[in-house]
Amino acid sequence: MKKVDRRQLPLNALRAFEAAANYCHLGKASEQLGVTQGAVSQQIRSLEAQLGQELFVRKHKRLYLSPAGQRLLAAVSEGLERITQGIIQLDTDSQAMTGELILCSTPSITNNLLMPVIGRFNRAYPEVTIRLSQIVPNTPLLPEEFDVCVCFGLPDDTAHLETKRLHTTRLYPVASPALMLNRPLLEHENELLNYPLLHDRARGWTHWFNQFASGEVKGCAANIFYSDNYQSLMAARMGQGVALAEYYEVASDVASGQLVLLNSKGIEMGIDSYLVLPKKERQTLRSRVFADFIEQHLSELASYFPQENDREVN
């Protein structure tokens, strides 16, 4: 790679790259940045020439991040986020940020998705005390006191809440690399039946095989049933078998190599995840900033799963 002097960093090109990488779509990137698609394309070509690296791969009229592009996106997103938060903090009343933030979510979302967000937020705002409150999936009622909630399924009473859909739940088969050692690559969905299947109460495997394969779950090598998705994912990380995972919850594991994606076909469970805050008059500056951290984290994770970001290149 060519040497880059930080005094001559191509900031406009890096912004164009981040937008294109987050969408894997030049047209969407140009809309976000308010420039022409040709300008975005030129900025990316210029950046690739300066770095001496191919950042995108184009296959069948679709745009994918190259391995170098994935590494650069993580670095650029983190860098731009730190700059943004630094600017925000210039105008942030430290007294308004000081205090308690009550965060509620399900055990699986908290452990697999929100932990990195909590760490990043705490490093930026150590004056905020974070308190966690647990809810169950598809809970009809939220706690009376909370600042930010990430729900699996929309609560019943939303008249006094501000809600935003974060993403549609899609489950993918994942396993530890240790489980796959000295085993042939999977060529057909039914070959998953040769591995222990890790279940939770969502019963995702039954739906997955009904949609993508001809086999039946009862005919697999072994079935292990856990009470929730967090437990089944922990078992998958330990090499006990294959679990079905929400791709946002395991994106970091797949990127780091702790888990491998065994099949790119994801099944939709018909339930979405939502970001929920109190109505604006009851929101605090702490809750709004933390909500921004969540959405930024999800945007970064999307780059790890190109099949979730497939877009035709205009």
C-alpha atoms as a PDB file:
ATOM      1  CA  MET A   1       0.000   0.000   0.000  1.00  0.00           C
ATOM      2  CA  LYS A   2       1.182   3.480  -0.818  1.00  0.00           C
ATOM      3  CA  LYS A   3       2.230   5.752   2.048  1.00  0.00           C
ATOM      4  CA  VAL A   4      -0.439   8.226   3.108  1.00  0.00           C
ATOM      5  CA  ASP A   5       0.365  11.499   4.856  1.00  0.00           C
ATOM      6  CA  ARG A   6      -2.437  12.501   7.240  1.00  0.00           C
ATOM      7  CA  ARG A   7      -1.882  16.130   6.288  1.00  0.00           C
ATOM      8  CA  GLN A   8      -3.082  15.175   2.823  1.00  0.00           C
ATOM      9  CA  LEU A   9      -5.894  12.776   3.692  1.00  0.00           C
ATOM     10  CA  PRO A  10      -8.555  12.758   0.913  1.00  0.00           C
ATOM     11  CA  LEU A  11     -11.473  13.480   3.266  1.00  0.00           C
ATOM     12  CA  ASN A  12     -14.048  13.992   0.501  1.00  0.00           C
ATOM     13  CA  ALA A  13     -13.055  10.708  -1.097  1.00  0.00           C
ATOM     14  CA  LEU A  14     -13.250   8.928   2.258  1.00  0.00           C
ATOM     15  CA  ARG A  15     -16.754  10.315   2.845  1.00  0.00           C
ATOM     16  CA  ALA A  16     -17.797   9.154  -0.613  1.00  0.00           C
ATOM     17  CA  PHE A  17     -16.302   5.728   0.047  1.00  0.00           C
ATOM     18  CA  GLU A  18     -18.107   5.367   3.390  1.00  0.00           C
ATOM     19  CA  ALA A  19     -21.473   6.270   1.865  1.00  0.00           C
ATOM     20  CA  ALA A  20     -20.990   3.868  -1.062  1.00  0.00           C
ATOM     21  CA  ALA A  21     -19.753   1.115   1.266  1.00  0.00           C
ATOM     22  CA  ASN A  22     -22.682   1.445   3.664  1.00  0.00           C
ATOM     23  CA  TYR A  23     -25.205   1.089   0.838  1.00  0.00           C
ATOM     24  CA  CYS A  24     -23.110  -0.950  -1.628  1.00  0.00           C
ATOM     25  CA  HIS A  25     -24.889   1.266  -4.137  1.00  0.00           C
ATOM     26  CA  LEU A  26     -23.460   4.322  -5.909  1.00  0.00           C
ATOM     27  CA  GLY A  27     -26.848   5.883  -6.572  1.00  0.00           C
ATOM     28  CA  LYS A  28     -27.866   5.771  -2.899  1.00  0.00           C
ATOM     29  CA  ALA A  29     -24.496   7.202  -1.913  1.00  0.00           C
ATOM     30  CA  SER A  30     -24.872  10.107  -4.326  1.00  0.00           C
ATOM     31  CA  GLU A  31     -28.339  10.870  -2.895  1.00  0.00           C
ATOM     32  CA  GLN A  32     -26.977  10.907   0.642  1.00  0.00           C
ATOM     33  CA  LEU A  33     -24.072  13.186  -0.246  1.00  0.00           C
ATOM     34  CA  GLY A  34     -26.051  15.453  -2.569  1.00  0.00           C
ATOM     35  CA  VAL A  35     -23.664  14.982  -5.511  1.00  0.00           C
ATOM     36  CA  THR A  36     -23.835  13.132  -8.817  1.00  0.00           C
ATOM     37  CA  GLN A  37     -23.227   9.420  -9.075  1.00  0.00           C
ATOM     38  CA  GLY A  38     -20.340  10.149 -11.412  1.00  0.00           C
ATOM     39  CA  ALA A  39     -18.702  12.293  -8.733  1.00  0.00           C
ATOM     40  CA  VAL A  40     -18.953   9.455  -6.200  1.00  0.00           C
ATOM     41  CA  SER A  41     -17.507   6.982  -8.694  1.00  0.00           C
ATOM     42  CA  GLN A  42     -14.623   9.333  -9.496  1.00  0.00           C
ATOM     43  CA  GLN A  43     -13.828   9.875  -5.812  1.00  0.00           C
ATOM     44  CA  ILE A  44     -13.695   6.119  -5.218  1.00  0.00           C
ATOM     45  CA  ARG A  45     -11.469   5.503  -8.243  1.00  0.00           C
ATOM     46  CA  SER A  46      -9.165   8.276  -7.047  1.00  0.00           C
ATOM     47  CA  LEU A  47      -9.023   6.772  -3.550  1.00  0.00           C
ATOM     48  CA  GLU A  48      -8.281   3.292  -4.910  1.00  0.00           C
ATOM     49  CA  ALA A  49      -5.478   4.725  -7.034  1.00  0.00           C
ATOM     50  CA  GLN A  50      -4.013   6.609  -4.069  1.00  0.00           C
ATOM     51  CA  LEU A  51      -4.150   3.554  -1.793  1.00  0.00           C
ATOM     52  CA  GLY A  52      -3.137   1.064  -4.450  1.00  0.00           C
ATOM     53  CA  GLN A  53      -5.990  -1.204  -3.329  1.00  0.00           C
ATOM     54  CA  GLU A  54      -9.259  -2.356  -4.878  1.00  0.00           C
ATOM     55  CA  LEU A  55     -12.008  -1.370  -2.438  1.00  0.00           C
ATOM     56  CA  PHE A  56     -15.027  -2.798  -4.265  1.00  0.00           C
ATOM     57  CA  VAL A  57     -15.704  -5.895  -6.312  1.00  0.00           C
ATOM     58  CA  ARG A  58     -18.353  -5.832  -9.018  1.00  0.00           C
ATOM     59  CA  LYS A  59     -20.113  -9.103  -9.789  1.00  0.00           C
ATOM     60  CA  HIS A  60     -23.243  -9.607 -11.880  1.00  0.00           C
ATOM     61  CA  LYS A  61     -24.116  -5.893 -11.786  1.00  0.00           C
ATOM     62  CA  ARG A  62     -23.823  -5.843  -7.998  1.00  0.00           C
ATOM     63  CA  LEU A  63     -21.356  -4.044  -5.801  1.00  0.00           C
ATOM     64  CA  TYR A  64     -19.522  -5.755  -2.937  1.00  0.00           C
ATOM     65  CA  LEU A  65     -16.802  -4.614  -0.558  1.00  0.00           C
ATOM     66  CA  SER A  66     -13.420  -6.238  -1.067  1.00  0.00           C
ATOM     67  CA  PRO A  67     -11.543  -7.466   2.045  1.00  0.00           C
ATOM     68  CA  ALA A  68      -9.481  -4.261   1.940  1.00  0.00           C
ATOM     69  CA  GLY A  69     -12.679  -2.246   1.607  1.00  0.00           C
ATOM     70  CA  GLN A  70     -14.180  -3.914   4.673  1.00  0.00           C
ATOM     71  CA  ARG A  71     -11.117  -3.058   6.754  1.00  0.00           C
ATOM     72  CA  LEU A  72     -11.062   0.511   5.492  1.00  0.00           C
ATOM     73  CA  LEU A  73     -14.777   1.006   6.148  1.00  0.00           C
ATOM     74  CA  ALA A  74     -14.360   0.047   9.805  1.00  0.00           C
ATOM     75  CA  ALA A  75     -11.494   2.522  10.197  1.00  0.00           C
ATOM     76  CA  VAL A  76     -13.166   5.357   8.272  1.00  0.00           C
ATOM     77  CA  SER A  77     -16.501   4.956  10.067  1.00  0.00           C
ATOM     78  CA  GLU A  78     -14.814   4.989  13.455  1.00  0.00           C
ATOM     79  CA  GLY A  79     -12.711   7.998  12.529  1.00  0.00           C
ATOM     80  CA  LEU A  80     -15.602  10.044  11.149  1.00  0.00           C
ATOM     81  CA  GLU A  81     -17.738   9.074  14.128  1.00  0.00           C
ATOM     82  CA  ARG A  82     -15.060  10.309  16.546  1.00  0.00           C
ATOM     83  CA  ILE A  83     -14.828  13.597  14.644  1.00  0.00           C
ATOM     84  CA  THR A  84     -18.627  13.952  14.669  1.00  0.00           C
ATOM     85  CA  GLN A  85     -18.914  13.198  18.370  1.00  0.00           C
ATOM     86  CA  GLY A  86     -16.078  15.590  19.098  1.00  0.00           C
ATOM     87  CA  ILE A  87     -17.948  18.370  17.315  1.00  0.00           C
ATOM     88  CA  ILE A  88     -21.191  17.474  19.083  1.00  0.00           C
ATOM     89  CA  GLN A  89     -19.455  17.614  22.432  1.00  0.00           C
ATOM     90  CA  LEU A  90     -18.362  21.182  21.719  1.00  0.00           C
ATOM     91  CA  ASP A  91     -22.013  22.195  21.942  1.00  0.00           C
ATOM     92  CA  THR A  92     -23.034  19.630  24.548  1.00  0.00           C
ATOM     93  CA  ASP A  93     -23.823  20.951  27.984  1.00  0.00           C
ATOM     94  CA  SER A  94     -21.838  18.587  30.220  1.00  0.00           C
ATOM     95  CA  GLN A  95     -24.391  19.107  32.987  1.00  0.00           C
ATOM     96  CA  ALA A  96     -27.166  17.987  30.611  1.00  0.00           C
ATOM     97  CA  MET A  97     -25.265  14.777  29.833  1.00  0.00           C
ATOM     98  CA  THR A  98     -24.411  14.021  33.446  1.00  0.00           C
ATOM     99  CA  GLY A  99     -26.866  11.612  35.023  1.00  0.00           C
ATOM    100  CA  GLU A 100     -28.413   8.195  34.544  1.00  0.00           C
ATOM    101  CA  LEU A 101     -29.405   6.454  31.311  1.00  0.00           C
ATOM    102  CA  ILE A 102     -31.854   3.550  31.677  1.00  0.00           C
ATOM    103  CA  LEU A 103     -31.462   1.148  28.760  1.00  0.00           C
ATOM    104  CA  CYS A 104     -33.856  -1.761  28.302  1.00  0.00           C
ATOM    105  CA  SER A 105     -33.740  -4.630  25.825  1.00  0.00           C
ATOM    106  CA  THR A 106     -33.916  -8.412  25.529  1.00  0.00           C
ATOM    107  CA  PRO A 107     -30.976 -10.502  26.801  1.00  0.00           C
ATOM    108  CA  SER A 108     -29.980 -11.526  23.270  1.00  0.00           C
ATOM    109  CA  ILE A 109     -30.007  -7.998  21.834  1.00  0.00           C
ATOM    110  CA  THR A 110     -28.196  -6.615  24.878  1.00  0.00           C
ATOM    111  CA  ASN A 111     -25.426  -9.200  24.854  1.00  0.00           C
ATOM    112  CA  ASN A 112     -24.948  -9.630  21.111  1.00  0.00           C
ATOM    113  CA  LEU A 113     -25.665  -6.153  19.772  1.00  0.00           C
ATOM    114  CA  LEU A 114     -25.677  -3.435  22.403  1.00  0.00           C
ATOM    115  CA  MET A 115     -22.549  -4.280  24.414  1.00  0.00           C
ATOM    116  CA  PRO A 116     -20.183  -2.630  21.878  1.00  0.00           C
ATOM    117  CA  VAL A 117     -22.467   0.424  21.769  1.00  0.00           C
ATOM    118  CA  ILE A 118     -22.433   0.707  25.559  1.00  0.00           C
ATOM    119  CA  GLY A 119     -18.634   0.544  25.585  1.00  0.00           C
ATOM    120  CA  ARG A 120     -18.245   3.173  22.878  1.00  0.00           C
ATOM    121  CA  PHE A 121     -20.777   5.480  24.524  1.00  0.00           C
ATOM    122  CA  ASN A 122     -19.131   5.095  27.926  1.00  0.00           C
ATOM    123  CA  ARG A 123     -15.736   6.041  26.514  1.00  0.00           C
ATOM    124  CA  ALA A 124     -17.224   9.179  24.973  1.00  0.00           C
ATOM    125  CA  TYR A 125     -19.427  10.127  27.958  1.00  0.00           C
ATOM    126  CA  PRO A 126     -18.008   8.656  31.178  1.00  0.00           C
ATOM    127  CA  GLU A 127     -20.134  11.092  33.165  1.00  0.00           C
ATOM    128  CA  VAL A 128     -23.272   9.104  32.244  1.00  0.00           C
ATOM    129  CA  THR A 129     -24.300   6.226  34.508  1.00  0.00           C
ATOM    130  CA  ILE A 130     -25.845   3.414  32.452  1.00  0.00           C
ATOM    131  CA  ARG A 131     -28.419   1.130  34.054  1.00  0.00           C
ATOM    132  CA  LEU A 132     -29.710  -1.949  32.199  1.00  0.00           C
ATOM    133  CA  SER A 133     -33.274  -3.233  32.412  1.00  0.00           C
ATOM    134  CA  GLN A 134     -34.314  -6.567  30.879  1.00  0.00           C
ATOM    135  CA  ILE A 135     -37.458  -7.213  28.844  1.00  0.00           C
ATOM    136  CA  VAL A 136     -38.679 -10.311  27.008  1.00  0.00           C
ATOM    137  CA  PRO A 137     -39.150 -10.597  23.227  1.00  0.00           C
ATOM    138  CA  ASN A 138     -42.526  -9.365  21.970  1.00  0.00           C
ATOM    139  CA  THR A 139     -43.252  -7.705  25.294  1.00  0.00           C
ATOM    140  CA  PRO A 140     -46.591  -5.871  25.183  1.00  0.00           C
ATOM    141  CA  LEU A 141     -45.639  -3.315  27.851  1.00  0.00           C
ATOM    142  CA  LEU A 142     -42.359  -1.523  28.517  1.00  0.00           C
ATOM    143  CA  PRO A 143     -41.111  -0.491  31.986  1.00  0.00           C
ATOM    144  CA  GLU A 144     -42.553   2.734  33.333  1.00  0.00           C
ATOM    145  CA  GLU A 145     -39.116   4.343  33.520  1.00  0.00           C
ATOM    146  CA  PHE A 146     -36.645   4.063  30.655  1.00  0.00           C
ATOM    147  CA  ASP A 147     -34.624   6.323  28.376  1.00  0.00           C
ATOM    148  CA  VAL A 148     -33.847   4.041  25.420  1.00  0.00           C
ATOM    149  CA  CYS A 149     -35.282   0.665  24.546  1.00  0.00           C
ATOM    150  CA  VAL A 150     -34.444  -1.763  21.732  1.00  0.00           C
ATOM    151  CA  CYS A 151     -37.384  -4.125  21.326  1.00  0.00           C
ATOM    152  CA  PHE A 152     -37.797  -7.367  19.441  1.00  0.00           C
ATOM    153  CA  GLY A 153     -41.331  -6.764  18.246  1.00  0.00           C
ATOM    154  CA  LEU A 154     -43.316  -3.551  18.656  1.00  0.00           C
ATOM    155  CA  PRO A 155     -44.982  -3.009  22.070  1.00  0.00           C
ATOM    156  CA  ASP A 156     -48.756  -2.661  22.177  1.00  0.00           C
ATOM    157  CA  ASP A 157     -49.131   0.851  23.554  1.00  0.00           C
ATOM    158  CA  THR A 158     -47.079   3.262  21.438  1.00  0.00           C
ATOM    159  CA  ALA A 159     -49.270   6.340  21.817  1.00  0.00           C
ATOM    160  CA  HIS A 160     -46.832   7.872  24.299  1.00  0.00           C
ATOM    161  CA  LEU A 161     -43.678   6.589  22.655  1.00  0.00           C
ATOM    162  CA  GLU A 162     -41.430   7.496  19.733  1.00  0.00           C
ATOM    163  CA  THR A 163     -40.660   4.380  17.681  1.00  0.00           C
ATOM    164  CA  LYS A 164     -38.396   3.654  14.714  1.00  0.00           C
ATOM    165  CA  ARG A 165     -37.972   0.326  12.953  1.00  0.00           C
ATOM    166  CA  LEU A 166     -34.303  -0.642  12.987  1.00  0.00           C
ATOM    167  CA  HIS A 167     -34.317  -3.717  10.754  1.00  0.00           C
ATOM    168  CA  THR A 168     -36.249  -6.786   9.707  1.00  0.00           C
ATOM    169  CA  THR A 169     -35.145  -9.941  11.491  1.00  0.00           C
ATOM    170  CA  ARG A 170     -33.406 -12.448   9.224  1.00  0.00           C
ATOM    171  CA  LEU A 171     -31.801 -15.573  10.624  1.00  0.00           C
ATOM    172  CA  TYR A 172     -28.697 -17.249   9.139  1.00  0.00           C
ATOM    173  CA  PRO A 173     -26.937 -20.511  10.078  1.00  0.00           C
ATOM    174  CA  VAL A 174     -23.647 -19.878  11.883  1.00  0.00           C
ATOM    175  CA  ALA A 175     -21.091 -22.081  13.616  1.00  0.00           C
ATOM    176  CA  SER A 176     -17.651 -22.015  15.165  1.00  0.00           C
ATOM    177  CA  PRO A 177     -14.766 -22.596  12.720  1.00  0.00           C
ATOM    178  CA  ALA A 178     -13.640 -25.397  15.064  1.00  0.00           C
ATOM    179  CA  LEU A 179     -16.829 -27.322  14.260  1.00  0.00           C
ATOM    180  CA  MET A 180     -16.019 -27.173  10.547  1.00  0.00           C
ATOM    181  CA  LEU A 181     -12.416 -28.391  10.757  1.00  0.00           C
ATOM    182  CA  ASN A 182     -11.654 -31.347   8.473  1.00  0.00           C
ATOM    183  CA  ARG A 183     -15.209 -31.290   7.139  1.00  0.00           C
ATOM    184  CA  PRO A 184     -16.179 -30.627   3.516  1.00  0.00           C
ATOM    185  CA  LEU A 185     -17.727 -27.318   2.519  1.00  0.00           C
ATOM    186  CA  LEU A 186     -21.506 -27.318   2.482  1.00  0.00           C
ATOM    187  CA  GLU A 187     -22.877 -27.609  -1.037  1.00  0.00           C
ATOM    188  CA  HIS A 188     -26.542 -28.106  -0.199  1.00  0.00           C
ATOM    189  CA  GLU A 189     -28.816 -26.863   2.570  1.00  0.00           C
ATOM    190  CA  ASN A 190     -29.744 -30.409   3.625  1.00  0.00           C
ATOM    191  CA  GLU A 191     -26.116 -31.058   4.618  1.00  0.00           C
ATOM    192  CA  LEU A 192     -26.764 -28.978   7.737  1.00  0.00           C
ATOM    193  CA  LEU A 193     -28.635 -32.015   9.030  1.00  0.00           C
ATOM    194  CA  ASN A 194     -25.237 -33.672   9.500  1.00  0.00           C
ATOM    195  CA  TYR A 195     -24.469 -31.229  12.329  1.00  0.00           C
ATOM    196  CA  PRO A 196     -26.060 -30.733  15.743  1.00  0.00           C
ATOM    197  CA  LEU A 197     -28.711 -28.036  15.485  1.00  0.00           C
ATOM    198  CA  LEU A 198     -29.003 -25.532  18.332  1.00  0.00           C
ATOM    199  CA  HIS A 199     -32.588 -24.439  18.931  1.00  0.00           C
ATOM    200  CA  ASP A 200     -34.271 -21.710  20.949  1.00  0.00           C
ATOM    201  CA  ARG A 201     -37.902 -20.866  21.570  1.00  0.00           C
ATOM    202  CA  ALA A 202     -38.255 -19.056  18.221  1.00  0.00           C
ATOM    203  CA  ARG A 203     -38.244 -22.454  16.431  1.00  0.00           C
ATOM    204  CA  GLY A 204     -36.398 -20.908  13.523  1.00  0.00           C
ATOM    205  CA  TRP A 205     -34.921 -24.165  12.214  1.00  0.00           C
ATOM    206  CA  THR A 206     -38.329 -25.581  11.333  1.00  0.00           C
ATOM    207  CA  HIS A 207     -39.138 -22.473   9.277  1.00  0.00           C
ATOM    208  CA  TRP A 208     -35.674 -22.428   7.693  1.00  0.00           C
ATOM    209  CA  PHE A 209     -35.814 -26.034   6.471  1.00  0.00           C
ATOM    210  CA  ASN A 210     -39.405 -25.624   5.279  1.00  0.00           C
ATOM    211  CA  GLN A 211     -38.328 -22.716   3.079  1.00  0.00           C
ATOM    212  CA  PHE A 212     -34.848 -23.679   1.864  1.00  0.00           C
ATOM    213  CA  ALA A 213     -34.398 -27.457   2.152  1.00  0.00           C
ATOM    214  CA  SER A 214     -36.234 -30.732   1.761  1.00  0.00           C
ATOM    215  CA  GLY A 215     -35.042 -32.352   4.981  1.00  0.00           C
ATOM    216  CA  GLU A 216     -36.752 -32.342   8.368  1.00  0.00           C
ATOM    217  CA  VAL A 217     -35.262 -31.127  11.623  1.00  0.00           C
ATOM    218  CA  LYS A 218     -36.166 -34.357  13.416  1.00  0.00           C
ATOM    219  CA  GLY A 219     -33.796 -36.230  11.095  1.00  0.00           C
ATOM    220  CA  CYS A 220     -30.678 -34.242  11.979  1.00  0.00           C
ATOM    221  CA  ALA A 221     -27.590 -35.567  13.749  1.00  0.00           C
ATOM    222  CA  ALA A 222     -28.607 -34.062  17.093  1.00  0.00           C
ATOM    223  CA  ASN A 223     -30.944 -31.433  18.500  1.00  0.00           C
ATOM    224  CA  ILE A 224     -30.064 -29.260  21.501  1.00  0.00           C
ATOM    225  CA  PHE A 225     -32.759 -26.949  22.845  1.00  0.00           C
ATOM    226  CA  TYR A 226     -31.981 -23.731  24.709  1.00  0.00           C
ATOM    227  CA  SER A 227     -34.398 -21.298  26.297  1.00  0.00           C
ATOM    228  CA  ASP A 228     -33.305 -18.244  24.317  1.00  0.00           C
ATOM    229  CA  ASN A 229     -31.198 -17.086  21.383  1.00  0.00           C
ATOM    230  CA  TYR A 230     -28.380 -15.784  23.567  1.00  0.00           C
ATOM    231  CA  GLN A 231     -27.778 -19.262  24.974  1.00  0.00           C
ATOM    232  CA  SER A 232     -27.841 -20.930  21.538  1.00  0.00           C
ATOM    233  CA  LEU A 233     -25.324 -18.403  20.182  1.00  0.00           C
ATOM    234  CA  MET A 234     -23.001 -18.945  23.129  1.00  0.00           C
ATOM    235  CA  ALA A 235     -23.209 -22.690  22.448  1.00  0.00           C
ATOM    236  CA  ALA A 236     -22.385 -22.075  18.769  1.00  0.00           C
ATOM    237  CA  ARG A 237     -19.315 -20.042  19.744  1.00  0.00           C
ATOM    238  CA  MET A 238     -18.216 -22.977  21.915  1.00  0.00           C
ATOM    239  CA  GLY A 239     -18.487 -25.354  18.943  1.00  0.00           C
ATOM    240  CA  GLN A 240     -21.529 -27.303  20.140  1.00  0.00           C
ATOM    241  CA  GLY A 241     -23.426 -27.015  16.873  1.00  0.00           C
ATOM    242  CA  VAL A 242     -25.078 -24.724  14.322  1.00  0.00           C
ATOM    243  CA  ALA A 243     -27.319 -21.895  15.474  1.00  0.00           C
ATOM    244  CA  LEU A 244     -29.635 -19.567  13.608  1.00  0.00           C
ATOM    245  CA  ALA A 245     -28.596 -15.981  14.267  1.00  0.00           C
ATOM    246  CA  GLU A 246     -29.851 -12.512  13.501  1.00  0.00           C
ATOM    247  CA  TYR A 247     -27.130 -11.161  11.251  1.00  0.00           C
ATOM    248  CA  TYR A 248     -26.739  -7.859  13.106  1.00  0.00           C
ATOM    249  CA  GLU A 249     -26.110  -9.779  16.323  1.00  0.00           C
ATOM    250  CA  VAL A 250     -23.261 -11.862  14.896  1.00  0.00           C
ATOM    251  CA  ALA A 251     -21.726  -9.484  12.333  1.00  0.00           C
ATOM    252  CA  SER A 252     -18.742  -8.736  14.562  1.00  0.00           C
ATOM    253  CA  ASP A 253     -18.241 -12.463  15.263  1.00  0.00           C
ATOM    254  CA  VAL A 254     -18.213 -13.244  11.546  1.00  0.00           C
ATOM    255  CA  ALA A 255     -15.857 -10.356  10.794  1.00  0.00           C
ATOM    256  CA  SER A 256     -13.432 -11.501  13.508  1.00  0.00           C
ATOM    257  CA  GLY A 257     -13.639 -15.165  12.521  1.00  0.00           C
ATOM    258  CA  GLN A 258     -15.177 -16.344  15.785  1.00  0.00           C
ATOM    259  CA  LEU A 259     -18.192 -17.582  13.813  1.00  0.00           C
ATOM    260  CA  VAL A 260     -18.585 -18.533  10.168  1.00  0.00           C
ATOM    261  CA  LEU A 261     -21.654 -18.073   7.994  1.00  0.00           C
ATOM    262  CA  LEU A 262     -22.600 -21.495   6.605  1.00  0.00           C
ATOM    263  CA  ASN A 263     -25.271 -20.376   4.170  1.00  0.00           C
ATOM    264  CA  SER A 264     -26.196 -16.976   2.761  1.00  0.00           C
ATOM    265  CA  LYS A 265     -29.929 -17.657   2.767  1.00  0.00           C
ATOM    266  CA  GLY A 266     -31.660 -15.823   5.573  1.00  0.00           C
ATOM    267  CA  ILE A 267     -35.188 -16.513   6.698  1.00  0.00           C
ATOM    268  CA  GLU A 268     -37.444 -13.638   7.744  1.00  0.00           C
ATOM    269  CA  MET A 269     -39.278 -14.319  10.986  1.00  0.00           C
ATOM    270  CA  GLY A 270     -41.966 -11.690  10.427  1.00  0.00           C
ATOM    271  CA  ILE A 271     -40.825  -9.667  13.449  1.00  0.00           C
ATOM    272  CA  ASP A 272     -38.866  -6.421  13.334  1.00  0.00           C
ATOM    273  CA  SER A 273     -36.582  -4.794  15.879  1.00  0.00           C
ATOM    274  CA  TYR A 274     -37.457  -1.279  17.014  1.00  0.00           C
ATOM    275  CA  LEU A 275     -35.715   1.628  18.659  1.00  0.00           C
ATOM    276  CA  VAL A 276     -38.126   3.078  21.221  1.00  0.00           C
ATOM    277  CA  LEU A 277     -37.796   6.345  23.122  1.00  0.00           C
ATOM    278  CA  PRO A 278     -40.240   8.335  25.236  1.00  0.00           C
ATOM    279  CA  LYS A 279     -42.050  11.193  23.512  1.00  0.00           C
ATOM    280  CA  LYS A 280     -39.805  14.165  22.699  1.00  0.00           C
ATOM    281  CA  GLU A 281     -40.866  16.211  25.724  1.00  0.00           C
ATOM    282  CA  ARG A 282     -39.657  13.380  28.009  1.00  0.00           C
ATOM    283  CA  GLN A 283     -36.437  12.604  26.156  1.00  0.00           C
ATOM    284  CA  THR A 284     -33.073  13.607  27.548  1.00  0.00           C
ATOM    285  CA  LEU A 285     -29.972  14.619  25.660  1.00  0.00           C
ATOM    286  CA  ARG A 286     -28.428  11.372  26.923  1.00  0.00           C
ATOM    287  CA  SER A 287     -31.145   9.257  25.302  1.00  0.00           C
ATOM    288  CA  ARG A 288     -30.927  11.050  21.948  1.00  0.00           C
ATOM    289  CA  VAL A 289     -27.142  10.725  21.789  1.00  0.00           C
ATOM    290  CA  PHE A 290     -27.247   7.035  22.761  1.00  0.00           C
ATOM    291  CA  ALA A 291     -29.888   6.398  20.070  1.00  0.00           C
ATOM    292  CA  ASP A 292     -27.525   7.959  17.518  1.00  0.00           C
ATOM    293  CA  PHE A 293     -24.759   5.604  18.675  1.00  0.00           C
ATOM    294  CA  ILE A 294     -27.036   2.590  18.099  1.00  0.00           C
ATOM    295  CA  GLU A 295     -27.920   3.614  14.554  1.00  0.00           C
ATOM    296  CA  GLN A 296     -24.288   4.335  13.702  1.00  0.00           C
ATOM    297  CA  HIS A 297     -23.274   0.899  14.993  1.00  0.00           C
ATOM    298  CA  LEU A 298     -25.925  -0.823  12.876  1.00  0.00           C
ATOM    299  CA  SER A 299     -24.758   1.098   9.821  1.00  0.00           C
ATOM    300  CA  GLU A 300     -21.208  -0.162  10.359  1.00  0.00           C
ATOM    301  CA  LEU A 301     -22.323  -3.766  10.884  1.00  0.00           C
ATOM    302  CA  ALA A 302     -24.298  -3.795   7.631  1.00  0.00           C
ATOM    303  CA  SER A 303     -21.043  -3.791   5.655  1.00  0.00           C
ATOM    304  CA  TYR A 304     -20.115  -7.218   7.059  1.00  0.00           C
ATOM    305  CA  PHE A 305     -23.033  -8.889   5.288  1.00  0.00           C
ATOM    306  CA  PRO A 306     -22.982  -7.934   1.602  1.00  0.00           C
ATOM    307  CA  GLN A 307     -26.012 -10.139   0.882  1.00  0.00           C
ATOM    308  CA  GLU A 308     -28.050  -7.853   3.136  1.00  0.00           C
ATOM    309  CA  ASN A 309     -26.823  -4.810   1.221  1.00  0.00           C
ATOM    310  CA  ASP A 310     -27.111  -6.196  -2.326  1.00  0.00           C
ATOM    311  CA  ARG A 311     -28.086  -3.408  -4.668  1.00  0.00           C
ATOM    312  CA  GLU A 312     -27.927  -3.224  -8.413  1.00  0.00           C
ATOM    313  CA  VAL A 313     -25.231  -0.888  -9.610  1.00  0.00           C
ATOM    314  CA  ASN A 314     -26.845   1.830 -11.722  1.00  0.00           C
END
